[in-house]
């Protein structure tokens, strides 16, 4: 099953991925605003024009509550800008976070899952983001999400990563649900999302 899904993923990626140029921090126009540290930045074109997409993270932030107890926080962001009349205009933004976590915290993009496609071949890009957020007090699965935008429409797949214990081969987690937008979307959108989930939504514990 995994090999079948992987082959589907590779096939879709080869034929439906739009050409995107990776940007460095110096390449990003000064008018583009963002928060956090850049994880990845890409520039691409479709029938709607020229776009820049940024994904950023704050990393772990140590803080104190009103009772002076130490806790950790982490945030992540994604920004999509469109060049309009010579100016970069923000089209949409993704924000997620973990707040006031007393143990280990994570809010991180899965960088290799960050892709730009045109699966339905309508000339309008689909931007795919995948990330995990967690407040780890034990070995529970991290909350995992795939967010995709086509133009201004959002599609979301939410669930948890699959945990595998190497010593015992025991597994748990891995469940997910599609939102209504994904359920009504072209089959190719859901197939690509499921392939991303199978490829990246897991963690092996020794």
N, C-alpha and C. Protein backbone atom coordinates (compact mmCIF):
# COMPACT_ATOMS: atom_id res chain seq x y z
N UNK A 1 0.84 -1.21 0.00
CA UNK A 1 0.00 0.00 0.00
C UNK A 1 0.87 1.25 0.00
N UNK A 2 1.88 1.26 0.88
CA UNK A 2 2.76 2.43 0.96
C UNK A 2 3.47 2.66 -0.36
N UNK A 3 3.96 1.57 -1.00
CA UNK A 3 4.67 1.72 -2.26
C UNK A 3 3.74 2.25 -3.34
N UNK A 4 2.48 1.79 -3.33
CA UNK A 4 1.51 2.27 -4.32
C UNK A 4 1.27 3.76 -4.17
N UNK A 5 1.06 4.20 -2.93
CA UNK A 5 0.83 5.62 -2.67
C UNK A 5 2.05 6.44 -3.03
N UNK A 6 3.24 5.92 -2.73
CA UNK A 6 4.47 6.63 -3.06
C UNK A 6 4.63 6.80 -4.56
N UNK A 7 4.29 5.76 -5.33
CA UNK A 7 4.38 5.84 -6.78
C UNK A 7 3.40 6.88 -7.32
N UNK A 8 2.19 6.92 -6.75
CA UNK A 8 1.21 7.93 -7.15
C UNK A 8 1.75 9.32 -6.86
N UNK A 9 2.34 9.47 -5.68
CA UNK A 9 2.89 10.77 -5.27
C UNK A 9 3.99 11.21 -6.23
N UNK A 10 4.90 10.31 -6.55
CA UNK A 10 6.00 10.66 -7.44
C UNK A 10 5.50 11.01 -8.83
N UNK A 11 4.49 10.26 -9.29
CA UNK A 11 3.92 10.52 -10.61
C UNK A 11 3.26 11.89 -10.67
N UNK A 12 2.46 12.20 -9.64
CA UNK A 12 1.79 13.49 -9.59
C UNK A 12 2.81 14.62 -9.50
N UNK A 13 3.81 14.43 -8.64
CA UNK A 13 4.82 15.47 -8.43
C UNK A 13 5.57 15.78 -9.72
N UNK A 14 5.90 14.75 -10.48
CA UNK A 14 6.67 14.95 -11.70
C UNK A 14 5.89 15.74 -12.75
N UNK A 15 4.59 15.46 -12.88
CA UNK A 15 3.82 16.03 -13.98
C UNK A 15 2.99 17.25 -13.61
N UNK A 16 2.75 17.50 -12.32
CA UNK A 16 1.83 18.57 -11.95
C UNK A 16 2.49 19.68 -11.14
N UNK A 17 3.77 19.54 -10.82
CA UNK A 17 4.42 20.55 -10.00
C UNK A 17 4.82 21.75 -10.85
N UNK A 18 4.46 22.94 -10.39
CA UNK A 18 4.83 24.16 -11.11
C UNK A 18 6.29 24.52 -10.80
N UNK A 19 6.90 25.18 -11.75
CA UNK A 19 8.28 25.62 -11.56
C UNK A 19 8.31 26.78 -10.57
N UNK A 20 9.06 26.63 -9.51
CA UNK A 20 9.20 27.68 -8.50
C UNK A 20 10.68 27.94 -8.26
N UNK A 21 11.01 29.19 -8.01
CA UNK A 21 12.39 29.59 -7.75
C UNK A 21 12.56 29.83 -6.25
N UNK A 22 13.54 29.16 -5.66
CA UNK A 22 13.81 29.38 -4.24
C UNK A 22 14.46 30.75 -4.03
N UNK A 23 14.04 31.41 -2.96
CA UNK A 23 14.56 32.73 -2.65
C UNK A 23 15.37 32.70 -1.36
N UNK A 24 16.40 33.52 -1.31
CA UNK A 24 17.11 33.76 -0.06
C UNK A 24 16.48 34.97 0.63
N UNK A 25 16.88 35.22 1.85
CA UNK A 25 16.36 36.38 2.57
C UNK A 25 16.63 37.67 1.80
N UNK A 26 17.79 37.75 1.16
CA UNK A 26 18.16 38.95 0.40
C UNK A 26 17.29 39.14 -0.84
N UNK A 27 16.71 38.04 -1.35
CA UNK A 27 15.88 38.12 -2.56
C UNK A 27 14.47 38.63 -2.28
N UNK A 28 14.06 38.62 -1.03
CA UNK A 28 12.69 38.99 -0.68
C UNK A 28 12.54 40.51 -0.72
N UNK A 29 11.58 41.03 -1.47
CA UNK A 29 11.38 42.48 -1.55
C UNK A 29 11.17 43.10 -0.16
N UNK A 30 11.68 44.29 0.03
CA UNK A 30 11.60 44.96 1.33
C UNK A 30 10.16 45.24 1.75
N UNK A 31 9.25 45.37 0.79
CA UNK A 31 7.86 45.68 1.12
C UNK A 31 7.10 44.49 1.69
N UNK A 32 7.66 43.29 1.57
CA UNK A 32 7.00 42.09 2.08
C UNK A 32 7.29 41.95 3.57
N UNK A 33 6.24 41.88 4.35
CA UNK A 33 6.36 41.78 5.80
C UNK A 33 6.10 40.35 6.26
N UNK A 34 6.84 39.93 7.28
CA UNK A 34 6.64 38.61 7.85
C UNK A 34 7.20 38.57 9.25
N UNK A 35 6.76 37.59 10.01
CA UNK A 35 7.25 37.38 11.36
C UNK A 35 7.92 36.02 11.43
N UNK A 36 8.96 35.90 12.26
CA UNK A 36 9.64 34.62 12.43
C UNK A 36 10.87 34.49 11.54
N UNK A 37 11.48 33.32 11.60
CA UNK A 37 12.66 33.01 10.81
C UNK A 37 12.24 32.23 9.57
N UNK A 38 12.78 32.62 8.43
CA UNK A 38 12.37 31.99 7.18
C UNK A 38 12.85 30.54 7.11
N UNK A 39 11.92 29.64 6.85
CA UNK A 39 12.22 28.23 6.63
C UNK A 39 12.41 27.99 5.14
N UNK A 40 11.53 28.60 4.35
CA UNK A 40 11.62 28.47 2.90
C UNK A 40 10.87 29.64 2.27
N UNK A 41 11.29 30.03 1.09
CA UNK A 41 10.62 31.09 0.33
C UNK A 41 10.73 30.74 -1.14
N UNK A 42 9.62 30.89 -1.87
CA UNK A 42 9.61 30.54 -3.28
C UNK A 42 8.83 31.59 -4.08
N UNK A 43 9.24 31.74 -5.31
CA UNK A 43 8.58 32.66 -6.24
C UNK A 43 8.13 31.85 -7.46
N UNK A 44 6.89 32.07 -7.90
CA UNK A 44 6.38 31.30 -9.03
C UNK A 44 5.34 32.11 -9.78
N UNK A 45 5.00 31.64 -10.98
CA UNK A 45 3.99 32.29 -11.81
C UNK A 45 2.89 31.31 -12.16
N UNK A 46 1.67 31.82 -12.25
CA UNK A 46 0.56 31.07 -12.83
C UNK A 46 -0.28 32.05 -13.63
N UNK A 47 -1.49 31.64 -14.04
CA UNK A 47 -2.32 32.51 -14.87
C UNK A 47 -2.79 33.77 -14.15
N UNK A 48 -2.70 33.78 -12.83
CA UNK A 48 -3.13 34.94 -12.05
C UNK A 48 -2.02 35.97 -11.88
N UNK A 49 -0.78 35.56 -12.17
CA UNK A 49 0.33 36.50 -12.05
C UNK A 49 1.54 35.90 -11.35
N UNK A 50 2.31 36.78 -10.74
CA UNK A 50 3.55 36.38 -10.07
C UNK A 50 3.34 36.38 -8.56
N UNK A 51 3.83 35.33 -7.90
CA UNK A 51 3.57 35.12 -6.48
C UNK A 51 4.87 34.89 -5.71
N UNK A 52 4.84 35.25 -4.44
CA UNK A 52 5.89 34.86 -3.48
C UNK A 52 5.21 34.23 -2.28
N UNK A 53 5.72 33.08 -1.87
CA UNK A 53 5.19 32.38 -0.69
C UNK A 53 6.33 32.19 0.30
N UNK A 54 6.09 32.52 1.55
CA UNK A 54 7.07 32.37 2.62
C UNK A 54 6.50 31.46 3.70
N UNK A 55 7.33 30.58 4.25
CA UNK A 55 6.97 29.86 5.47
C UNK A 55 8.02 30.19 6.53
N UNK A 56 7.56 30.52 7.74
CA UNK A 56 8.46 30.97 8.80
C UNK A 56 8.09 30.33 10.13
N UNK A 57 9.07 30.29 11.03
CA UNK A 57 8.87 29.76 12.38
C UNK A 57 9.57 30.67 13.38
N UNK A 58 9.03 30.75 14.57
CA UNK A 58 9.71 31.50 15.63
C UNK A 58 10.74 30.65 16.35
N UNK A 59 10.61 29.31 16.25
CA UNK A 59 11.40 28.44 17.11
C UNK A 59 10.82 28.45 18.51
N UNK A 60 11.48 27.77 19.41
CA UNK A 60 10.99 27.67 20.80
C UNK A 60 11.30 28.97 21.54
N UNK A 61 10.28 29.51 22.19
CA UNK A 61 10.42 30.74 22.97
C UNK A 61 10.20 30.42 24.44
N UNK A 62 11.19 30.68 25.26
CA UNK A 62 11.04 30.51 26.71
C UNK A 62 10.36 31.73 27.29
N UNK A 63 9.40 31.49 28.17
CA UNK A 63 8.63 32.59 28.73
C UNK A 63 8.22 32.26 30.16
N UNK A 64 7.56 33.21 30.80
CA UNK A 64 7.07 33.00 32.16
C UNK A 64 5.60 33.38 32.24
N UNK A 65 4.84 32.61 33.01
CA UNK A 65 3.44 32.93 33.23
C UNK A 65 3.33 34.01 34.30
N UNK A 66 2.11 34.45 34.57
CA UNK A 66 1.90 35.48 35.59
C UNK A 66 2.34 34.99 36.96
N UNK A 67 2.35 33.66 37.15
CA UNK A 67 2.81 33.08 38.41
C UNK A 67 4.29 32.78 38.42
N UNK A 68 5.00 33.30 37.40
CA UNK A 68 6.45 33.15 37.27
C UNK A 68 6.89 31.71 36.99
N UNK A 69 5.97 30.88 36.53
CA UNK A 69 6.34 29.52 36.13
C UNK A 69 6.89 29.55 34.70
N UNK A 70 7.94 28.79 34.48
CA UNK A 70 8.54 28.75 33.15
C UNK A 70 7.68 27.91 32.20
N UNK A 71 7.54 28.37 30.97
CA UNK A 71 6.86 27.58 29.96
C UNK A 71 7.45 27.93 28.60
N UNK A 72 7.07 27.15 27.61
CA UNK A 72 7.60 27.34 26.26
C UNK A 72 6.46 27.59 25.28
N UNK A 73 6.80 28.32 24.23
CA UNK A 73 5.84 28.60 23.17
C UNK A 73 6.54 28.47 21.82
N UNK A 74 5.76 28.29 20.78
CA UNK A 74 6.30 28.28 19.42
C UNK A 74 5.18 28.64 18.45
N UNK A 75 5.56 29.37 17.39
CA UNK A 75 4.59 29.81 16.40
C UNK A 75 5.13 29.53 15.00
N UNK A 76 4.21 29.38 14.06
CA UNK A 76 4.61 29.28 12.66
C UNK A 76 3.64 30.09 11.80
N UNK A 77 4.14 30.51 10.64
CA UNK A 77 3.37 31.38 9.75
C UNK A 77 3.64 30.99 8.29
N UNK A 78 2.66 31.26 7.45
CA UNK A 78 2.85 31.19 6.00
C UNK A 78 2.18 32.41 5.39
N UNK A 79 2.84 33.00 4.40
CA UNK A 79 2.33 34.21 3.76
C UNK A 79 2.39 34.03 2.24
N UNK A 80 1.30 34.40 1.57
CA UNK A 80 1.32 34.36 0.10
C UNK A 80 1.01 35.75 -0.44
N UNK A 81 1.97 36.27 -1.22
CA UNK A 81 1.85 37.60 -1.82
C UNK A 81 1.69 37.49 -3.33
N UNK A 82 0.89 38.40 -3.90
CA UNK A 82 0.68 38.50 -5.34
C UNK A 82 1.15 39.87 -5.82
N UNK A 83 1.89 39.89 -6.91
CA UNK A 83 2.33 41.15 -7.49
C UNK A 83 1.17 41.79 -8.24
N UNK A 84 0.69 42.93 -7.75
CA UNK A 84 -0.48 43.60 -8.32
C UNK A 84 -0.17 45.08 -8.50
N UNK A 85 -0.26 45.54 -9.74
CA UNK A 85 0.03 46.95 -10.05
C UNK A 85 1.40 47.38 -9.52
N UNK A 86 2.36 46.47 -9.65
CA UNK A 86 3.72 46.78 -9.25
C UNK A 86 4.00 46.69 -7.76
N UNK A 87 2.99 46.27 -6.98
CA UNK A 87 3.16 46.15 -5.54
C UNK A 87 2.82 44.74 -5.08
N UNK A 88 3.52 44.30 -4.02
CA UNK A 88 3.25 42.98 -3.46
C UNK A 88 2.11 43.08 -2.45
N UNK A 89 0.99 42.40 -2.76
CA UNK A 89 -0.20 42.44 -1.91
C UNK A 89 -0.40 41.09 -1.24
N UNK A 90 -0.62 41.10 0.07
CA UNK A 90 -0.86 39.86 0.81
C UNK A 90 -2.20 39.27 0.41
N UNK A 91 -2.19 38.00 -0.02
CA UNK A 91 -3.41 37.31 -0.43
C UNK A 91 -4.00 36.46 0.68
N UNK A 92 -3.14 35.75 1.39
CA UNK A 92 -3.59 34.96 2.54
C UNK A 92 -2.44 34.69 3.48
N UNK A 93 -2.81 34.28 4.69
CA UNK A 93 -1.83 34.03 5.74
C UNK A 93 -2.29 32.83 6.57
N UNK A 94 -1.35 31.98 6.95
CA UNK A 94 -1.61 30.86 7.86
C UNK A 94 -0.86 31.13 9.16
N UNK A 95 -1.52 30.88 10.27
CA UNK A 95 -0.88 31.07 11.58
C UNK A 95 -1.30 29.93 12.50
N UNK A 96 -0.34 29.31 13.17
CA UNK A 96 -0.65 28.29 14.17
C UNK A 96 0.39 28.37 15.27
N UNK A 97 0.11 27.74 16.40
CA UNK A 97 0.97 27.96 17.56
C UNK A 97 0.73 26.91 18.64
N UNK A 98 1.67 26.86 19.58
CA UNK A 98 1.52 26.19 20.86
C UNK A 98 1.85 27.22 21.93
N UNK A 99 0.97 27.38 22.90
CA UNK A 99 1.16 28.38 23.96
C UNK A 99 1.27 27.70 25.33
N UNK A 100 2.05 28.32 26.20
CA UNK A 100 2.16 27.96 27.61
C UNK A 100 2.32 26.45 27.83
N UNK A 101 3.32 25.89 27.18
CA UNK A 101 3.62 24.46 27.32
C UNK A 101 4.72 24.28 28.37
N UNK A 102 4.48 23.48 29.40
CA UNK A 102 5.48 23.32 30.46
C UNK A 102 6.58 22.30 30.11
N UNK A 103 6.41 21.59 28.99
CA UNK A 103 7.38 20.56 28.60
C UNK A 103 7.94 20.91 27.21
N UNK A 104 8.37 19.91 26.46
CA UNK A 104 8.93 20.17 25.14
C UNK A 104 7.84 20.62 24.16
N UNK A 105 8.18 21.58 23.32
CA UNK A 105 7.21 22.16 22.41
C UNK A 105 7.73 22.10 20.98
N UNK A 106 6.80 21.98 20.04
CA UNK A 106 7.18 21.93 18.62
C UNK A 106 6.11 22.62 17.79
N UNK A 107 6.53 23.45 16.87
CA UNK A 107 5.66 24.02 15.84
C UNK A 107 6.53 24.18 14.61
N UNK A 108 6.52 23.15 13.75
CA UNK A 108 7.50 23.10 12.66
C UNK A 108 6.84 22.65 11.36
N UNK A 109 7.24 23.33 10.29
CA UNK A 109 6.84 22.90 8.96
C UNK A 109 7.63 21.66 8.54
N UNK A 110 7.00 20.84 7.74
CA UNK A 110 7.70 19.74 7.07
C UNK A 110 8.15 20.31 5.72
N UNK A 111 9.39 20.71 5.67
CA UNK A 111 9.88 21.51 4.55
C UNK A 111 9.72 20.80 3.21
N UNK A 112 9.98 19.50 3.16
CA UNK A 112 9.92 18.79 1.89
C UNK A 112 8.50 18.64 1.36
N UNK A 113 7.50 18.88 2.21
CA UNK A 113 6.11 18.80 1.77
C UNK A 113 5.61 20.12 1.19
N UNK A 114 6.41 21.16 1.28
CA UNK A 114 6.05 22.49 0.78
C UNK A 114 6.20 22.49 -0.73
N UNK A 115 5.07 22.46 -1.46
CA UNK A 115 5.10 22.34 -2.91
C UNK A 115 4.05 23.25 -3.55
N UNK A 116 4.25 23.51 -4.83
CA UNK A 116 3.31 24.28 -5.63
C UNK A 116 2.94 23.43 -6.84
N UNK A 117 1.65 23.16 -7.01
CA UNK A 117 1.19 22.27 -8.07
C UNK A 117 0.07 22.91 -8.88
N UNK A 118 -0.29 22.25 -9.97
CA UNK A 118 -1.52 22.55 -10.71
C UNK A 118 -2.15 21.22 -11.09
N UNK A 119 -2.69 20.55 -10.10
CA UNK A 119 -3.20 19.20 -10.29
C UNK A 119 -4.41 19.16 -11.22
N UNK A 120 -5.27 20.16 -11.13
CA UNK A 120 -6.48 20.17 -11.97
C UNK A 120 -6.28 20.91 -13.29
N UNK A 121 -5.04 21.34 -13.53
CA UNK A 121 -4.64 21.93 -14.81
C UNK A 121 -5.54 23.09 -15.24
N UNK A 122 -5.86 23.95 -14.28
CA UNK A 122 -6.67 25.13 -14.60
C UNK A 122 -5.84 26.41 -14.68
N UNK A 123 -4.50 26.24 -14.59
CA UNK A 123 -3.62 27.39 -14.70
C UNK A 123 -3.47 28.19 -13.42
N UNK A 124 -4.08 27.70 -12.33
CA UNK A 124 -4.02 28.41 -11.05
C UNK A 124 -3.38 27.50 -10.00
N UNK A 125 -2.35 28.01 -9.38
CA UNK A 125 -1.51 27.19 -8.50
C UNK A 125 -2.23 26.73 -7.25
N UNK A 126 -1.86 25.53 -6.82
CA UNK A 126 -2.23 25.03 -5.49
C UNK A 126 -0.96 25.06 -4.63
N UNK A 127 -1.02 25.71 -3.50
CA UNK A 127 0.12 25.81 -2.59
C UNK A 127 -0.12 24.88 -1.41
N UNK A 128 0.82 23.94 -1.19
CA UNK A 128 0.68 22.90 -0.17
C UNK A 128 1.63 23.16 0.99
N UNK A 129 1.09 23.16 2.20
CA UNK A 129 1.86 23.31 3.43
C UNK A 129 1.53 22.15 4.35
N UNK A 130 2.52 21.66 5.06
CA UNK A 130 2.30 20.59 6.04
C UNK A 130 3.16 20.88 7.26
N UNK A 131 2.57 20.70 8.43
CA UNK A 131 3.33 20.99 9.65
C UNK A 131 2.81 20.19 10.84
N UNK A 132 3.63 20.18 11.90
CA UNK A 132 3.27 19.51 13.15
C UNK A 132 3.35 20.51 14.29
N UNK A 133 2.40 20.41 15.22
CA UNK A 133 2.45 21.20 16.44
C UNK A 133 2.20 20.27 17.61
N UNK A 134 2.94 20.47 18.71
CA UNK A 134 2.79 19.56 19.85
C UNK A 134 3.37 20.17 21.11
N UNK A 135 2.79 19.77 22.23
CA UNK A 135 3.33 20.01 23.56
C UNK A 135 3.59 18.62 24.13
N UNK A 136 4.85 18.20 24.08
CA UNK A 136 5.20 16.81 24.37
C UNK A 136 5.40 16.58 25.86
N UNK A 137 4.44 15.89 26.49
CA UNK A 137 4.63 15.46 27.86
C UNK A 137 4.89 13.98 27.94
N UNK A 138 4.69 13.30 26.80
CA UNK A 138 4.89 11.85 26.71
C UNK A 138 5.19 11.53 25.25
N UNK A 139 4.87 10.32 24.82
CA UNK A 139 5.15 9.94 23.43
C UNK A 139 3.88 10.01 22.58
N UNK A 140 2.96 10.87 22.93
CA UNK A 140 1.73 11.01 22.15
C UNK A 140 2.04 11.56 20.76
N UNK A 141 1.23 11.20 19.76
CA UNK A 141 1.44 11.73 18.41
C UNK A 141 1.27 13.24 18.36
N UNK A 142 2.04 13.89 17.52
CA UNK A 142 1.90 15.33 17.31
C UNK A 142 0.70 15.61 16.43
N UNK A 143 0.02 16.71 16.71
CA UNK A 143 -1.05 17.17 15.83
C UNK A 143 -0.43 17.55 14.49
N UNK A 144 -1.01 17.06 13.42
CA UNK A 144 -0.45 17.26 12.09
C UNK A 144 -1.51 17.84 11.16
N UNK A 145 -1.10 18.77 10.31
CA UNK A 145 -2.06 19.42 9.41
C UNK A 145 -1.46 19.60 8.02
N UNK A 146 -2.31 19.43 7.04
CA UNK A 146 -1.99 19.84 5.67
C UNK A 146 -2.96 20.96 5.32
N UNK A 147 -2.41 22.09 4.93
CA UNK A 147 -3.21 23.23 4.48
C UNK A 147 -2.85 23.49 3.02
N UNK A 148 -3.88 23.57 2.18
CA UNK A 148 -3.65 23.87 0.77
C UNK A 148 -4.53 25.05 0.38
N UNK A 149 -3.97 25.94 -0.41
CA UNK A 149 -4.74 27.06 -0.96
C UNK A 149 -4.69 27.02 -2.48
N UNK A 150 -5.84 27.18 -3.09
CA UNK A 150 -5.93 27.47 -4.52
C UNK A 150 -6.62 28.82 -4.64
N UNK A 151 -5.92 29.80 -5.19
CA UNK A 151 -6.36 31.20 -5.12
C UNK A 151 -6.59 31.54 -3.64
N UNK A 152 -7.81 31.97 -3.28
CA UNK A 152 -8.06 32.31 -1.88
C UNK A 152 -8.81 31.24 -1.13
N UNK A 153 -9.03 30.08 -1.76
CA UNK A 153 -9.81 29.03 -1.11
C UNK A 153 -8.91 28.09 -0.32
N UNK A 154 -9.29 27.84 0.92
CA UNK A 154 -8.50 27.01 1.82
C UNK A 154 -9.05 25.59 1.89
N UNK A 155 -8.15 24.62 1.88
CA UNK A 155 -8.47 23.21 2.07
C UNK A 155 -7.63 22.71 3.25
N UNK A 156 -8.23 21.93 4.13
CA UNK A 156 -7.50 21.49 5.33
C UNK A 156 -7.70 19.99 5.58
N UNK A 157 -6.61 19.35 5.95
CA UNK A 157 -6.58 17.94 6.37
C UNK A 157 -5.92 17.93 7.74
N UNK A 158 -6.63 17.43 8.73
CA UNK A 158 -6.15 17.51 10.12
C UNK A 158 -6.17 16.13 10.76
N UNK A 159 -5.17 15.88 11.60
CA UNK A 159 -5.11 14.61 12.30
C UNK A 159 -3.89 14.53 13.19
N UNK A 160 -3.30 13.35 13.26
CA UNK A 160 -2.11 13.16 14.08
C UNK A 160 -1.15 12.21 13.37
N UNK A 161 0.13 12.39 13.65
CA UNK A 161 1.14 11.54 13.05
C UNK A 161 1.03 10.11 13.55
N UNK A 162 1.57 9.17 12.77
CA UNK A 162 1.61 7.78 13.20
C UNK A 162 2.91 7.52 13.96
N UNK A 163 2.79 6.94 15.14
CA UNK A 163 3.95 6.58 15.96
C UNK A 163 4.27 5.11 15.77
N UNK A 164 5.54 4.80 15.54
CA UNK A 164 6.00 3.42 15.46
C UNK A 164 7.12 3.22 16.47
N UNK A 165 6.99 2.21 17.31
CA UNK A 165 8.05 1.85 18.26
C UNK A 165 8.94 0.81 17.60
N UNK A 166 10.20 1.18 17.37
CA UNK A 166 11.09 0.30 16.62
C UNK A 166 11.29 -1.05 17.31
N UNK A 167 11.39 -1.04 18.64
CA UNK A 167 11.71 -2.28 19.35
C UNK A 167 10.57 -3.29 19.30
N UNK A 168 9.33 -2.81 19.37
CA UNK A 168 8.18 -3.71 19.42
C UNK A 168 7.37 -3.74 18.13
N UNK A 169 7.64 -2.81 17.24
CA UNK A 169 6.88 -2.64 15.99
C UNK A 169 5.45 -2.19 16.22
N UNK A 170 5.11 -1.86 17.47
CA UNK A 170 3.76 -1.36 17.75
C UNK A 170 3.57 -0.01 17.07
N UNK A 171 2.32 0.23 16.63
CA UNK A 171 2.00 1.48 15.96
C UNK A 171 0.69 2.02 16.50
N UNK A 172 0.60 3.34 16.57
CA UNK A 172 -0.69 3.96 16.85
C UNK A 172 -0.71 5.38 16.33
N UNK A 173 -1.91 5.94 16.24
CA UNK A 173 -2.05 7.27 15.65
C UNK A 173 -2.20 7.16 14.14
N UNK A 174 -2.05 8.29 13.48
CA UNK A 174 -2.12 8.33 12.02
C UNK A 174 -3.48 8.71 11.46
N UNK A 175 -4.49 8.89 12.32
CA UNK A 175 -5.81 9.22 11.84
C UNK A 175 -5.85 10.65 11.28
N UNK A 176 -6.76 10.87 10.35
CA UNK A 176 -6.94 12.21 9.79
C UNK A 176 -8.37 12.38 9.29
N UNK A 177 -8.76 13.63 9.10
CA UNK A 177 -10.05 13.94 8.48
C UNK A 177 -9.85 15.07 7.47
N UNK A 178 -10.65 15.03 6.41
CA UNK A 178 -10.69 16.11 5.43
C UNK A 178 -11.78 17.09 5.81
N UNK A 179 -11.55 18.38 5.60
CA UNK A 179 -12.63 19.34 5.79
C UNK A 179 -13.57 19.28 4.58
N UNK A 180 -14.65 20.05 4.64
CA UNK A 180 -15.66 19.99 3.59
C UNK A 180 -15.11 20.44 2.24
N UNK A 181 -14.19 21.39 2.24
CA UNK A 181 -13.61 21.84 0.98
C UNK A 181 -12.88 20.71 0.27
N UNK A 182 -12.10 19.93 1.02
CA UNK A 182 -11.39 18.79 0.43
C UNK A 182 -12.38 17.72 -0.03
N UNK A 183 -13.43 17.49 0.75
CA UNK A 183 -14.40 16.46 0.39
C UNK A 183 -15.09 16.76 -0.93
N UNK A 184 -15.25 18.05 -1.23
CA UNK A 184 -15.92 18.46 -2.46
C UNK A 184 -14.94 18.75 -3.59
N UNK A 185 -13.67 18.62 -3.31
CA UNK A 185 -12.62 18.98 -4.26
C UNK A 185 -12.40 17.87 -5.29
N UNK A 186 -11.65 18.15 -6.36
CA UNK A 186 -11.28 17.09 -7.29
C UNK A 186 -10.55 15.95 -6.57
N UNK A 187 -10.75 14.74 -7.07
CA UNK A 187 -10.12 13.57 -6.47
C UNK A 187 -8.61 13.73 -6.40
N UNK A 188 -8.03 14.37 -7.40
CA UNK A 188 -6.57 14.52 -7.43
C UNK A 188 -6.06 15.30 -6.22
N UNK A 189 -6.86 16.23 -5.69
CA UNK A 189 -6.45 16.97 -4.50
C UNK A 189 -6.33 16.04 -3.30
N UNK A 190 -7.35 15.20 -3.12
CA UNK A 190 -7.35 14.29 -1.96
C UNK A 190 -6.26 13.23 -2.10
N UNK A 191 -6.05 12.74 -3.30
CA UNK A 191 -5.01 11.73 -3.51
C UNK A 191 -3.63 12.30 -3.20
N UNK A 192 -3.39 13.52 -3.62
CA UNK A 192 -2.10 14.14 -3.34
C UNK A 192 -1.93 14.37 -1.84
N UNK A 193 -3.00 14.83 -1.18
CA UNK A 193 -2.95 15.06 0.27
C UNK A 193 -2.66 13.75 1.01
N UNK A 194 -3.33 12.68 0.62
CA UNK A 194 -3.11 11.38 1.27
C UNK A 194 -1.68 10.88 1.04
N UNK A 195 -1.15 11.14 -0.14
CA UNK A 195 0.23 10.74 -0.42
C UNK A 195 1.21 11.52 0.46
N UNK A 196 0.98 12.82 0.62
CA UNK A 196 1.82 13.61 1.52
C UNK A 196 1.73 13.07 2.94
N UNK A 197 0.52 12.75 3.38
CA UNK A 197 0.31 12.26 4.75
C UNK A 197 1.07 10.96 4.97
N UNK A 198 0.95 10.04 4.03
CA UNK A 198 1.64 8.75 4.16
C UNK A 198 3.15 8.94 4.19
N UNK A 199 3.65 9.86 3.41
CA UNK A 199 5.10 10.06 3.29
C UNK A 199 5.70 10.76 4.50
N UNK A 200 4.95 11.69 5.12
CA UNK A 200 5.56 12.55 6.13
C UNK A 200 4.94 12.51 7.53
N UNK A 201 3.73 12.01 7.68
CA UNK A 201 3.05 12.08 8.98
C UNK A 201 3.36 10.84 9.83
N UNK A 202 4.62 10.71 10.23
CA UNK A 202 5.00 9.57 11.06
C UNK A 202 6.21 9.95 11.92
N UNK A 203 6.40 9.16 12.96
CA UNK A 203 7.59 9.33 13.81
C UNK A 203 7.97 7.96 14.36
N UNK A 204 9.26 7.64 14.31
CA UNK A 204 9.77 6.37 14.84
C UNK A 204 10.43 6.63 16.19
N UNK A 205 10.02 5.86 17.19
CA UNK A 205 10.59 5.99 18.53
C UNK A 205 11.42 4.75 18.83
N UNK A 206 12.64 4.97 19.26
CA UNK A 206 13.54 3.84 19.54
C UNK A 206 13.12 3.09 20.79
